[in-house]
Amino acid sequence: MAGITYLQQFQEPALRGLVDATEEAKLPTFADRFLPNDQVFSTTFTYDVIKKSNHIAAMIGYGAEPPVIDRDAVASKMAEGAKMGLKYIATEEELLALNQARSNAEKSAMVERLTAKGVDLVQALQRRVDVAKVEAIAKGTFDYNKNGVKITFDYGIPNEHKIVLTGADTWANPEHDVIGDLLNWNDQYVTTNGKQADAILMPREMQALLLKNAIIVTEAGRPEGSTRVNVEELNSVLGGYGLPPIQIITERQITVKDIYTGQDEVIEFFPKNRVVFAGEDLGNFVYTPTVENNYQPGINLRAYDKFEPIQSIIRVAAAGFPVVENPGLLLHADVVEE
């Protein structure tokens, strides 16, 4: 059958090169700073993490609701549970257009279109990895609930690093002493770690409250009657207290396609009311071996042809999950009641 796999562009060496080029072209995100990518070649690594490491505080898995899978069973399933993948199906009509092209230029255009689909698939998987990293940083958990496997890692952020403001003592009150909050949390972080956080992460919604905070307006020396400061003035005020630099999270959620249902789902990976003190050396996002990648860790892109039904498929897959080795390097503060 003349699908696409006879073409050099869809054979393993070319697709491996396409993955490498796409990974090299990816711009680093803030999450890469705290959870850079790593690879582990042991097929028992996941099991070892669960059974021997104390940085994962709790893990509950369900094979199917409501039966509970014990820890050993979950460990054996984790490679499946952390599996990520997407595919694009070239239809019979596309294959006819490719193999009955009227000119080399027309054929090349169709090949380029399908190659671009391969790049899209790799980038979509990279976004999944980015979401997992940010969830680990902003939520302190890694959650997976697909294909009959439900897994929750709680990375064990210390209780004294989990702050919740309530009532009138929240950032929604423009008279609240937000600077005092940040200084207290900074002191707590230093007490735990012996050093400051490398960054304070917060979404735009929380930055907007700081810009209108009366104490910050006064500290910035704004004229009487002013009700807000600009971003430069805010950073100047907070920097004057020796606080870590603030990094604003501009995107808190992403719409992705569920690989099992084909439906779009919205994932909120950074709570809108949360401020996070984060330090480097937090851990890594670990890629683990997959069968598709010749039992090696990393992203695999491949093409294959089917006869019933007639299809050519481009498929991307990888397995991995974020490993937080030093949960004390995270401090979460929910500064507004939801």
C-alpha atoms as a PDB file:
ATOM      1  CA  MET A   1       0.000   0.000   0.000  1.00  0.00           C
ATOM      2  CA  ALA A   2       1.365   3.417  -1.004  1.00  0.00           C
ATOM      3  CA  GLY A   3       0.659   5.492   2.088  1.00  0.00           C
ATOM      4  CA  ILE A   4       3.301   7.875   3.387  1.00  0.00           C
ATOM      5  CA  THR A   5       5.920   5.611   4.933  1.00  0.00           C
ATOM      6  CA  TYR A   6       7.651   5.001   1.599  1.00  0.00           C
ATOM      7  CA  LEU A   7       8.550   8.687   1.557  1.00  0.00           C
ATOM      8  CA  GLN A   8      11.934   9.564   3.063  1.00  0.00           C
ATOM      9  CA  GLN A   9      10.405  12.427   5.054  1.00  0.00           C
ATOM     10  CA  PHE A  10       8.286   9.984   7.095  1.00  0.00           C
ATOM     11  CA  GLN A  11      10.905   7.373   7.831  1.00  0.00           C
ATOM     12  CA  GLU A  12      12.555   7.082  11.227  1.00  0.00           C
ATOM     13  CA  PRO A  13      15.769   9.101  10.633  1.00  0.00           C
ATOM     14  CA  ALA A  14      13.872  12.077   9.178  1.00  0.00           C
ATOM     15  CA  LEU A  15      11.231  12.041  11.921  1.00  0.00           C
ATOM     16  CA  ARG A  16      13.929  11.777  14.605  1.00  0.00           C
ATOM     17  CA  GLY A  17      15.560  14.836  13.077  1.00  0.00           C
ATOM     18  CA  LEU A  18      12.214  16.635  13.040  1.00  0.00           C
ATOM     19  CA  VAL A  19      11.763  15.989  16.765  1.00  0.00           C
ATOM     20  CA  ASP A  20      15.290  17.187  17.515  1.00  0.00           C
ATOM     21  CA  ALA A  21      14.807  20.353  15.483  1.00  0.00           C
ATOM     22  CA  THR A  22      11.466  21.086  17.158  1.00  0.00           C
ATOM     23  CA  GLU A  23      12.960  20.611  20.612  1.00  0.00           C
ATOM     24  CA  GLU A  24      15.887  22.880  19.780  1.00  0.00           C
ATOM     25  CA  ALA A  25      13.510  25.569  18.502  1.00  0.00           C
ATOM     26  CA  LYS A  26      11.343  25.530  21.636  1.00  0.00           C
ATOM     27  CA  LEU A  27      11.652  28.684  23.694  1.00  0.00           C
ATOM     28  CA  PRO A  28      12.256  27.967  27.386  1.00  0.00           C
ATOM     29  CA  THR A  29       9.415  28.722  29.780  1.00  0.00           C
ATOM     30  CA  PHE A  30       9.648  29.903  33.380  1.00  0.00           C
ATOM     31  CA  ALA A  31       8.819  26.347  34.471  1.00  0.00           C
ATOM     32  CA  ASP A  32      11.941  25.049  32.712  1.00  0.00           C
ATOM     33  CA  ARG A  33      13.965  27.172  35.111  1.00  0.00           C
ATOM     34  CA  PHE A  34      12.621  25.312  38.130  1.00  0.00           C
ATOM     35  CA  LEU A  35      11.974  21.879  36.602  1.00  0.00           C
ATOM     36  CA  PRO A  36      14.376  21.349  33.680  1.00  0.00           C
ATOM     37  CA  ASN A  37      14.097  18.239  31.545  1.00  0.00           C
ATOM     38  CA  ASP A  38      16.016  15.109  32.451  1.00  0.00           C
ATOM     39  CA  GLN A  39      16.074  11.495  31.305  1.00  0.00           C
ATOM     40  CA  VAL A  40      16.102   8.251  33.244  1.00  0.00           C
ATOM     41  CA  PHE A  41      16.858   4.991  31.498  1.00  0.00           C
ATOM     42  CA  SER A  42      15.722   2.578  34.210  1.00  0.00           C
ATOM     43  CA  THR A  43      12.383   0.923  33.477  1.00  0.00           C
ATOM     44  CA  THR A  44      11.857   0.542  37.239  1.00  0.00           C
ATOM     45  CA  PHE A  45      12.531   4.188  38.025  1.00  0.00           C
ATOM     46  CA  THR A  46       8.898   5.055  38.683  1.00  0.00           C
ATOM     47  CA  TYR A  47       8.533   2.143  41.049  1.00  0.00           C
ATOM     48  CA  ASP A  48      11.706   3.167  42.862  1.00  0.00           C
ATOM     49  CA  VAL A  49      10.477   6.746  43.249  1.00  0.00           C
ATOM     50  CA  ILE A  50       7.240   5.600  44.836  1.00  0.00           C
ATOM     51  CA  LYS A  51       8.708   2.934  47.103  1.00  0.00           C
ATOM     52  CA  LYS A  52      11.992   4.502  48.184  1.00  0.00           C
ATOM     53  CA  SER A  53      11.706   8.296  48.015  1.00  0.00           C
ATOM     54  CA  ASN A  54      10.171  10.384  50.745  1.00  0.00           C
ATOM     55  CA  HIS A  55       9.634  13.518  48.662  1.00  0.00           C
ATOM     56  CA  ILE A  56       6.329  12.130  47.400  1.00  0.00           C
ATOM     57  CA  ALA A  57       4.030  12.430  50.384  1.00  0.00           C
ATOM     58  CA  ALA A  58       0.973  10.602  49.094  1.00  0.00           C
ATOM     59  CA  MET A  59      -0.219   8.725  46.063  1.00  0.00           C
ATOM     60  CA  ILE A  60      -3.665   7.321  45.459  1.00  0.00           C
ATOM     61  CA  GLY A  61      -4.521   5.427  42.311  1.00  0.00           C
ATOM     62  CA  TYR A  62      -7.754   4.003  40.984  1.00  0.00           C
ATOM     63  CA  GLY A  63      -7.902   1.357  38.321  1.00  0.00           C
ATOM     64  CA  ALA A  64     -11.586   2.088  37.996  1.00  0.00           C
ATOM     65  CA  GLU A  65     -13.827   3.913  40.418  1.00  0.00           C
ATOM     66  CA  PRO A  66     -14.338   2.973  43.192  1.00  0.00           C
ATOM     67  CA  PRO A  67     -11.782   0.126  43.688  1.00  0.00           C
ATOM     68  CA  VAL A  68      -8.445   1.365  45.018  1.00  0.00           C
ATOM     69  CA  ILE A  69      -5.229   0.034  43.538  1.00  0.00           C
ATOM     70  CA  ASP A  70      -2.550  -0.455  46.159  1.00  0.00           C
ATOM     71  CA  ARG A  71       0.795   1.295  45.886  1.00  0.00           C
ATOM     72  CA  ASP A  72       2.567  -1.643  44.259  1.00  0.00           C
ATOM     73  CA  ALA A  73      -0.089  -1.900  41.571  1.00  0.00           C
ATOM     74  CA  VAL A  74       0.008   1.819  40.934  1.00  0.00           C
ATOM     75  CA  ALA A  75       3.774   1.709  40.662  1.00  0.00           C
ATOM     76  CA  SER A  76       3.544  -0.934  37.968  1.00  0.00           C
ATOM     77  CA  LYS A  77       0.951   1.109  36.089  1.00  0.00           C
ATOM     78  CA  MET A  78       2.690   4.424  36.368  1.00  0.00           C
ATOM     79  CA  ALA A  79       4.475   4.159  33.031  1.00  0.00           C
ATOM     80  CA  GLU A  80       1.018   3.892  31.457  1.00  0.00           C
ATOM     81  CA  GLY A  81      -0.374   6.582  33.716  1.00  0.00           C
ATOM     82  CA  ALA A  82       2.275   9.080  32.696  1.00  0.00           C
ATOM     83  CA  LYS A  83       2.032   8.253  29.004  1.00  0.00           C
ATOM     84  CA  MET A  84       1.382  11.164  26.695  1.00  0.00           C
ATOM     85  CA  GLY A  85       0.505  10.917  23.057  1.00  0.00           C
ATOM     86  CA  LEU A  86      -1.369  12.330  20.103  1.00  0.00           C
ATOM     87  CA  LYS A  87      -1.837  11.319  16.500  1.00  0.00           C
ATOM     88  CA  TYR A  88      -2.896  12.776  13.189  1.00  0.00           C
ATOM     89  CA  ILE A  89      -4.697  10.573  10.667  1.00  0.00           C
ATOM     90  CA  ALA A  90      -4.167  11.282   7.010  1.00  0.00           C
ATOM     91  CA  THR A  91      -7.386  10.304   5.280  1.00  0.00           C
ATOM     92  CA  GLU A  92      -7.825   8.350   2.071  1.00  0.00           C
ATOM     93  CA  GLU A  93      -8.572  11.620   0.265  1.00  0.00           C
ATOM     94  CA  GLU A  94      -5.281  13.127   1.437  1.00  0.00           C
ATOM     95  CA  LEU A  95      -3.388  10.025   0.385  1.00  0.00           C
ATOM     96  CA  LEU A  96      -4.962  10.170  -3.077  1.00  0.00           C
ATOM     97  CA  ALA A  97      -4.010  13.826  -3.377  1.00  0.00           C
ATOM     98  CA  LEU A  98      -0.447  13.005  -2.332  1.00  0.00           C
ATOM     99  CA  ASN A  99       0.078  10.042  -4.605  1.00  0.00           C
ATOM    100  CA  GLN A 100      -1.789  11.487  -7.593  1.00  0.00           C
ATOM    101  CA  ALA A 101      -0.165  14.900  -7.474  1.00  0.00           C
ATOM    102  CA  ARG A 102      -0.032  16.568 -10.855  1.00  0.00           C
ATOM    103  CA  SER A 103       3.433  18.029 -10.319  1.00  0.00           C
ATOM    104  CA  ASN A 104       6.439  17.745  -8.047  1.00  0.00           C
ATOM    105  CA  ALA A 105       5.539  21.110  -6.554  1.00  0.00           C
ATOM    106  CA  GLU A 106       2.061  19.898  -5.635  1.00  0.00           C
ATOM    107  CA  LYS A 107       3.474  16.727  -4.088  1.00  0.00           C
ATOM    108  CA  SER A 108       6.078  18.698  -2.135  1.00  0.00           C
ATOM    109  CA  ALA A 109       3.370  20.987  -0.783  1.00  0.00           C
ATOM    110  CA  MET A 110       1.374  18.008   0.490  1.00  0.00           C
ATOM    111  CA  VAL A 111       4.498  16.483   2.083  1.00  0.00           C
ATOM    112  CA  GLU A 112       5.268  19.809   3.769  1.00  0.00           C
ATOM    113  CA  ARG A 113       1.709  19.977   5.071  1.00  0.00           C
ATOM    114  CA  LEU A 114       1.967  16.531   6.625  1.00  0.00           C
ATOM    115  CA  THR A 115       5.412  17.336   8.017  1.00  0.00           C
ATOM    116  CA  ALA A 116       3.943  20.433   9.646  1.00  0.00           C
ATOM    117  CA  LYS A 117       1.355  18.166  11.289  1.00  0.00           C
ATOM    118  CA  GLY A 118       4.245  16.222  12.796  1.00  0.00           C
ATOM    119  CA  VAL A 119       5.720  19.421  14.218  1.00  0.00           C
ATOM    120  CA  ASP A 120       2.303  20.349  15.613  1.00  0.00           C
ATOM    121  CA  LEU A 121       2.092  16.992  17.381  1.00  0.00           C
ATOM    122  CA  VAL A 122       5.516  17.387  18.994  1.00  0.00           C
ATOM    123  CA  GLN A 123       4.669  20.917  20.101  1.00  0.00           C
ATOM    124  CA  ALA A 124       1.364  19.720  21.556  1.00  0.00           C
ATOM    125  CA  LEU A 125       3.188  17.100  23.600  1.00  0.00           C
ATOM    126  CA  GLN A 126       5.665  19.747  24.751  1.00  0.00           C
ATOM    127  CA  ARG A 127       2.725  21.837  25.950  1.00  0.00           C
ATOM    128  CA  ARG A 128       1.485  18.865  27.960  1.00  0.00           C
ATOM    129  CA  VAL A 129       4.895  18.658  29.602  1.00  0.00           C
ATOM    130  CA  ASP A 130       4.867  22.404  30.305  1.00  0.00           C
ATOM    131  CA  VAL A 131       1.447  22.112  31.942  1.00  0.00           C
ATOM    132  CA  ALA A 132       2.636  19.243  34.145  1.00  0.00           C
ATOM    133  CA  LYS A 133       5.633  21.305  35.244  1.00  0.00           C
ATOM    134  CA  VAL A 134       3.572  24.362  36.126  1.00  0.00           C
ATOM    135  CA  GLU A 135       1.009  22.264  37.997  1.00  0.00           C
ATOM    136  CA  ALA A 136       3.799  20.753  40.081  1.00  0.00           C
ATOM    137  CA  ILE A 137       5.103  24.242  40.889  1.00  0.00           C
ATOM    138  CA  ALA A 138       1.789  26.045  41.393  1.00  0.00           C
ATOM    139  CA  LYS A 139      -0.277  23.224  42.915  1.00  0.00           C
ATOM    140  CA  GLY A 140       2.336  20.963  44.477  1.00  0.00           C
ATOM    141  CA  THR A 141       0.719  17.962  42.836  1.00  0.00           C
ATOM    142  CA  PHE A 142       0.842  15.856  39.705  1.00  0.00           C
ATOM    143  CA  ASP A 143      -2.581  14.601  38.652  1.00  0.00           C
ATOM    144  CA  TYR A 144      -3.425  12.088  35.961  1.00  0.00           C
ATOM    145  CA  ASN A 145      -6.891  10.702  35.302  1.00  0.00           C
ATOM    146  CA  LYS A 146      -7.017   8.993  31.925  1.00  0.00           C
ATOM    147  CA  ASN A 147      -7.827   5.624  30.448  1.00  0.00           C
ATOM    148  CA  GLY A 148      -9.045   4.109  33.709  1.00  0.00           C
ATOM    149  CA  VAL A 149      -5.960   5.154  35.684  1.00  0.00           C
ATOM    150  CA  LYS A 150      -6.285   7.870  38.302  1.00  0.00           C
ATOM    151  CA  ILE A 151      -3.106   9.016  40.008  1.00  0.00           C
ATOM    152  CA  THR A 152      -2.377  11.919  42.322  1.00  0.00           C
ATOM    153  CA  PHE A 153       1.087  12.797  43.571  1.00  0.00           C
ATOM    154  CA  ASP A 154       1.225  15.164  46.524  1.00  0.00           C
ATOM    155  CA  TYR A 155       4.804  16.388  46.647  1.00  0.00           C
ATOM    156  CA  GLY A 156       4.631  17.263  50.328  1.00  0.00           C
ATOM    157  CA  ILE A 157       5.049  21.029  50.516  1.00  0.00           C
ATOM    158  CA  PRO A 158       5.579  21.798  54.242  1.00  0.00           C
ATOM    159  CA  ASN A 159       2.412  22.852  56.078  1.00  0.00           C
ATOM    160  CA  GLU A 160       4.035  26.120  57.155  1.00  0.00           C
ATOM    161  CA  HIS A 161       4.484  26.875  53.449  1.00  0.00           C
ATOM    162  CA  LYS A 162       0.738  26.657  52.791  1.00  0.00           C
ATOM    163  CA  ILE A 163      -0.889  29.985  53.653  1.00  0.00           C
ATOM    164  CA  VAL A 164      -4.545  30.890  53.186  1.00  0.00           C
ATOM    165  CA  LEU A 165      -5.823  34.418  53.829  1.00  0.00           C
ATOM    166  CA  THR A 166      -9.470  34.834  54.778  1.00  0.00           C
ATOM    167  CA  GLY A 167     -12.039  37.466  55.674  1.00  0.00           C
ATOM    168  CA  ALA A 168     -10.908  41.093  55.596  1.00  0.00           C
ATOM    169  CA  ASP A 169      -7.259  40.031  55.707  1.00  0.00           C
ATOM    170  CA  THR A 170      -6.955  39.263  52.011  1.00  0.00           C
ATOM    171  CA  TRP A 171      -5.476  41.130  49.101  1.00  0.00           C
ATOM    172  CA  ALA A 172      -8.977  41.977  47.915  1.00  0.00           C
ATOM    173  CA  ASN A 173      -8.958  44.611  50.694  1.00  0.00           C
ATOM    174  CA  PRO A 174      -7.010  47.599  49.292  1.00  0.00           C
ATOM    175  CA  GLU A 175      -6.015  48.616  52.833  1.00  0.00           C
ATOM    176  CA  HIS A 176      -4.448  45.240  53.652  1.00  0.00           C
ATOM    177  CA  ASP A 177      -0.703  45.211  54.414  1.00  0.00           C
ATOM    178  CA  VAL A 178       0.450  43.217  51.404  1.00  0.00           C
ATOM    179  CA  ILE A 179       4.077  44.214  51.935  1.00  0.00           C
ATOM    180  CA  GLY A 180       3.936  42.773  55.446  1.00  0.00           C
ATOM    181  CA  ASP A 181       2.573  39.526  54.006  1.00  0.00           C
ATOM    182  CA  LEU A 182       5.364  39.208  51.466  1.00  0.00           C
ATOM    183  CA  LEU A 183       8.031  39.998  54.070  1.00  0.00           C
ATOM    184  CA  ASN A 184       6.632  37.409  56.482  1.00  0.00           C
ATOM    185  CA  TRP A 185       6.505  34.737  53.798  1.00  0.00           C
ATOM    186  CA  ASN A 186      10.002  35.652  52.674  1.00  0.00           C
ATOM    187  CA  ASP A 187      11.230  35.205  56.263  1.00  0.00           C
ATOM    188  CA  GLN A 188       9.481  31.827  56.524  1.00  0.00           C
ATOM    189  CA  TYR A 189      11.060  30.715  53.254  1.00  0.00           C
ATOM    190  CA  VAL A 190      14.522  31.764  54.424  1.00  0.00           C
ATOM    191  CA  THR A 191      14.001  29.992  57.756  1.00  0.00           C
ATOM    192  CA  THR A 192      13.241  26.751  55.910  1.00  0.00           C
ATOM    193  CA  ASN A 193      15.843  26.954  53.176  1.00  0.00           C
ATOM    194  CA  GLY A 194      18.575  29.280  54.408  1.00  0.00           C
ATOM    195  CA  LYS A 195      18.116  31.445  51.330  1.00  0.00           C
ATOM    196  CA  GLN A 196      15.522  33.521  49.518  1.00  0.00           C
ATOM    197  CA  ALA A 197      13.331  32.227  46.752  1.00  0.00           C
ATOM    198  CA  ASP A 198      14.588  32.876  43.248  1.00  0.00           C
ATOM    199  CA  ALA A 199      11.235  34.336  42.177  1.00  0.00           C
ATOM    200  CA  ILE A 200       7.751  35.191  43.379  1.00  0.00           C
ATOM    201  CA  LEU A 201       5.225  33.913  40.856  1.00  0.00           C
ATOM    202  CA  MET A 202       1.749  35.377  40.612  1.00  0.00           C
ATOM    203  CA  PRO A 203      -0.978  35.693  37.971  1.00  0.00           C
ATOM    204  CA  ARG A 204      -2.074  39.016  36.488  1.00  0.00           C
ATOM    205  CA  GLU A 205      -5.168  39.069  38.691  1.00  0.00           C
ATOM    206  CA  MET A 206      -3.062  39.262  41.860  1.00  0.00           C
ATOM    207  CA  GLN A 207      -0.685  41.801  40.360  1.00  0.00           C
ATOM    208  CA  ALA A 208      -3.732  43.966  39.591  1.00  0.00           C
ATOM    209  CA  LEU A 209      -4.634  43.971  43.303  1.00  0.00           C
ATOM    210  CA  LEU A 210      -1.108  45.056  44.258  1.00  0.00           C
ATOM    211  CA  LEU A 211      -1.245  47.918  41.771  1.00  0.00           C
ATOM    212  CA  LYS A 212      -4.304  49.289  43.610  1.00  0.00           C
ATOM    213  CA  ASN A 213      -3.127  48.595  47.162  1.00  0.00           C
ATOM    214  CA  ALA A 214      -3.223  51.759  49.287  1.00  0.00           C
ATOM    215  CA  ILE A 215       0.006  50.986  51.151  1.00  0.00           C
ATOM    216  CA  ILE A 216       1.933  50.448  47.930  1.00  0.00           C
ATOM    217  CA  VAL A 217       0.438  53.644  46.446  1.00  0.00           C
ATOM    218  CA  THR A 218       1.673  55.563  49.503  1.00  0.00           C
ATOM    219  CA  GLU A 219       5.108  53.877  49.468  1.00  0.00           C
ATOM    220  CA  ALA A 220       5.515  54.769  45.800  1.00  0.00           C
ATOM    221  CA  GLY A 221       5.080  58.474  46.652  1.00  0.00           C
ATOM    222  CA  ARG A 222       2.101  58.947  44.389  1.00  0.00           C
ATOM    223  CA  PRO A 223       0.245  62.286  44.663  1.00  0.00           C
ATOM    224  CA  GLU A 224      -2.593  62.513  47.176  1.00  0.00           C
ATOM    225  CA  GLY A 225      -5.789  61.067  45.778  1.00  0.00           C
ATOM    226  CA  SER A 226      -3.967  58.512  43.582  1.00  0.00           C
ATOM    227  CA  THR A 227      -5.505  55.066  43.617  1.00  0.00           C
ATOM    228  CA  ARG A 228      -2.943  52.999  41.730  1.00  0.00           C
ATOM    229  CA  VAL A 229       0.685  52.675  40.728  1.00  0.00           C
ATOM    230  CA  ASN A 230       2.209  51.388  37.526  1.00  0.00           C
ATOM    231  CA  VAL A 231       4.197  48.174  37.239  1.00  0.00           C
ATOM    232  CA  GLU A 232       7.555  49.915  37.399  1.00  0.00           C
ATOM    233  CA  GLU A 233       6.578  51.686  40.617  1.00  0.00           C
ATOM    234  CA  LEU A 234       5.265  48.449  42.123  1.00  0.00           C
ATOM    235  CA  ASN A 235       8.505  46.625  41.373  1.00  0.00           C
ATOM    236  CA  SER A 236      10.515  49.532  42.775  1.00  0.00           C
ATOM    237  CA  VAL A 237       8.591  49.507  46.059  1.00  0.00           C
ATOM    238  CA  LEU A 238       8.894  45.742  46.539  1.00  0.00           C
ATOM    239  CA  GLY A 239      12.519  45.710  45.392  1.00  0.00           C
ATOM    240  CA  GLY A 240      13.302  48.309  48.041  1.00  0.00           C
ATOM    241  CA  TYR A 241      12.419  45.726  50.683  1.00  0.00           C
ATOM    242  CA  GLY A 242      14.853  43.200  49.265  1.00  0.00           C
ATOM    243  CA  LEU A 243      12.154  40.788  48.137  1.00  0.00           C
ATOM    244  CA  PRO A 244      12.756  38.293  45.324  1.00  0.00           C
ATOM    245  CA  PRO A 245      11.787  39.515  41.850  1.00  0.00           C
ATOM    246  CA  ILE A 246       8.153  39.073  40.842  1.00  0.00           C
ATOM    247  CA  GLN A 247       7.343  37.081  37.702  1.00  0.00           C
ATOM    248  CA  ILE A 248       3.850  37.481  36.301  1.00  0.00           C
ATOM    249  CA  ILE A 249       2.080  34.414  34.926  1.00  0.00           C
ATOM    250  CA  THR A 250       0.241  35.628  31.864  1.00  0.00           C
ATOM    251  CA  GLU A 251      -1.464  32.317  30.995  1.00  0.00           C
ATOM    252  CA  ARG A 252      -3.118  30.260  33.727  1.00  0.00           C
ATOM    253  CA  GLN A 253      -4.943  27.691  31.622  1.00  0.00           C
ATOM    254  CA  ILE A 254      -4.735  25.894  28.329  1.00  0.00           C
ATOM    255  CA  THR A 255      -7.167  24.097  26.048  1.00  0.00           C
ATOM    256  CA  VAL A 256      -5.909  20.694  24.920  1.00  0.00           C
ATOM    257  CA  LYS A 257      -7.382  17.687  23.176  1.00  0.00           C
ATOM    258  CA  ASP A 258      -8.032  14.635  25.321  1.00  0.00           C
ATOM    259  CA  ILE A 259      -6.108  11.794  23.682  1.00  0.00           C
ATOM    260  CA  TYR A 260      -8.759   9.216  24.622  1.00  0.00           C
ATOM    261  CA  THR A 261     -12.033  11.072  23.954  1.00  0.00           C
ATOM    262  CA  GLY A 262     -10.881  13.445  21.224  1.00  0.00           C
ATOM    263  CA  GLN A 263     -12.686  16.255  23.049  1.00  0.00           C
ATOM    264  CA  ASP A 264     -11.160  19.574  24.026  1.00  0.00           C
ATOM    265  CA  GLU A 265     -10.541  20.062  27.730  1.00  0.00           C
ATOM    266  CA  VAL A 266      -9.523  23.182  29.649  1.00  0.00           C
ATOM    267  CA  ILE A 267      -6.745  22.698  32.177  1.00  0.00           C
ATOM    268  CA  GLU A 268      -6.183  25.409  34.778  1.00  0.00           C
ATOM    269  CA  PHE A 269      -2.595  24.936  35.863  1.00  0.00           C
ATOM    270  CA  PHE A 270      -2.048  28.080  37.970  1.00  0.00           C
ATOM    271  CA  PRO A 271      -4.778  29.096  40.463  1.00  0.00           C
ATOM    272  CA  LYS A 272      -5.762  32.729  39.955  1.00  0.00           C
ATOM    273  CA  ASN A 273      -5.591  33.576  43.682  1.00  0.00           C
ATOM    274  CA  ARG A 274      -2.195  32.008  44.385  1.00  0.00           C
ATOM    275  CA  VAL A 275       1.221  33.547  45.010  1.00  0.00           C
ATOM    276  CA  VAL A 276       4.154  31.137  44.816  1.00  0.00           C
ATOM    277  CA  PHE A 277       7.666  31.565  46.196  1.00  0.00           C
ATOM    278  CA  ALA A 278       9.837  29.216  44.132  1.00  0.00           C
ATOM    279  CA  GLY A 279      13.485  28.217  44.192  1.00  0.00           C
ATOM    280  CA  GLU A 280      15.729  26.612  41.619  1.00  0.00           C
ATOM    281  CA  ASP A 281      17.010  23.074  42.234  1.00  0.00           C
ATOM    282  CA  LEU A 282      13.399  22.119  42.823  1.00  0.00           C
ATOM    283  CA  GLY A 283      13.679  18.962  40.731  1.00  0.00           C
ATOM    284  CA  ASN A 284      13.270  17.827  37.141  1.00  0.00           C
ATOM    285  CA  PHE A 285      10.714  16.730  34.610  1.00  0.00           C
ATOM    286  CA  VAL A 286      11.887  13.187  33.960  1.00  0.00           C
ATOM    287  CA  TYR A 287      11.352  11.449  30.631  1.00  0.00           C
ATOM    288  CA  THR A 288      11.205   7.671  31.041  1.00  0.00           C
ATOM    289  CA  PRO A 289      11.576   4.865  28.456  1.00  0.00           C
ATOM    290  CA  THR A 290       8.789   3.921  26.059  1.00  0.00           C
ATOM    291  CA  VAL A 291       8.425   0.989  23.698  1.00  0.00           C
ATOM    292  CA  GLU A 292       7.868   3.377  20.788  1.00  0.00           C
ATOM    293  CA  ASN A 293      11.224   5.055  21.411  1.00  0.00           C
ATOM    294  CA  ASN A 294      13.136   1.752  21.323  1.00  0.00           C
ATOM    295  CA  TYR A 295      12.958   1.542  25.121  1.00  0.00           C
ATOM    296  CA  GLN A 296      14.712   4.872  25.479  1.00  0.00           C
ATOM    297  CA  PRO A 297      13.426   8.036  27.192  1.00  0.00           C
ATOM    298  CA  GLY A 298      12.332  10.979  25.089  1.00  0.00           C
ATOM    299  CA  ILE A 299       9.817  12.029  22.476  1.00  0.00           C
ATOM    300  CA  ASN A 300       9.080   9.613  19.657  1.00  0.00           C
ATOM    301  CA  LEU A 301       7.464  10.626  16.366  1.00  0.00           C
ATOM    302  CA  ARG A 302       6.592   7.931  13.876  1.00  0.00           C
ATOM    303  CA  ALA A 303       4.442   7.293  10.826  1.00  0.00           C
ATOM    304  CA  TYR A 304       2.695   4.089   9.819  1.00  0.00           C
ATOM    305  CA  ASP A 305       0.163   2.949   7.250  1.00  0.00           C
ATOM    306  CA  LYS A 306      -3.061   0.991   7.805  1.00  0.00           C
ATOM    307  CA  PHE A 307      -5.160  -0.911   5.326  1.00  0.00           C
ATOM    308  CA  GLU A 308      -8.452  -1.314   7.227  1.00  0.00           C
ATOM    309  CA  PRO A 309      -9.496   1.447   7.148  1.00  0.00           C
ATOM    310  CA  ILE A 310      -7.102   2.999   4.653  1.00  0.00           C
ATOM    311  CA  GLN A 311      -5.178   5.544   6.674  1.00  0.00           C
ATOM    312  CA  SER A 312      -1.706   6.880   7.244  1.00  0.00           C
ATOM    313  CA  ILE A 313      -1.020   7.951  10.789  1.00  0.00           C
ATOM    314  CA  ILE A 314       1.550  10.277  12.296  1.00  0.00           C
ATOM    315  CA  ARG A 315       1.848   9.651  16.027  1.00  0.00           C
ATOM    316  CA  VAL A 316       3.839  11.247  18.835  1.00  0.00           C
ATOM    317  CA  ALA A 317       4.385   9.669  22.245  1.00  0.00           C
ATOM    318  CA  ALA A 318       6.474  10.038  25.385  1.00  0.00           C
ATOM    319  CA  ALA A 319       6.306   9.087  29.030  1.00  0.00           C
ATOM    320  CA  GLY A 320       7.396  11.135  31.995  1.00  0.00           C
ATOM    321  CA  PHE A 321       6.369  13.160  35.002  1.00  0.00           C
ATOM    322  CA  PRO A 322       7.690  15.981  37.192  1.00  0.00           C
ATOM    323  CA  VAL A 323       9.828  14.918  40.141  1.00  0.00           C
ATOM    324  CA  VAL A 324       9.962  17.474  42.956  1.00  0.00           C
ATOM    325  CA  GLU A 325      12.956  16.561  45.069  1.00  0.00           C
ATOM    326  CA  ASN A 326      12.947  19.638  47.330  1.00  0.00           C
ATOM    327  CA  PRO A 327       9.314  20.594  48.099  1.00  0.00           C
ATOM    328  CA  GLY A 328      10.488  23.067  50.741  1.00  0.00           C
ATOM    329  CA  LEU A 329      11.611  25.281  47.849  1.00  0.00           C
ATOM    330  CA  LEU A 330       7.923  26.037  47.205  1.00  0.00           C
ATOM    331  CA  LEU A 331       5.695  28.278  49.313  1.00  0.00           C
ATOM    332  CA  HIS A 332       2.033  28.760  48.358  1.00  0.00           C
ATOM    333  CA  ALA A 333      -0.136  31.628  49.560  1.00  0.00           C
ATOM    334  CA  ASP A 334      -3.793  31.891  48.573  1.00  0.00           C
ATOM    335  CA  VAL A 335      -4.281  35.609  48.979  1.00  0.00           C
ATOM    336  CA  VAL A 336      -7.948  35.971  47.949  1.00  0.00           C
ATOM    337  CA  GLU A 337     -10.906  33.784  48.892  1.00  0.00           C
ATOM    338  CA  GLU A 338     -12.359  31.949  45.896  1.00  0.00           C
END
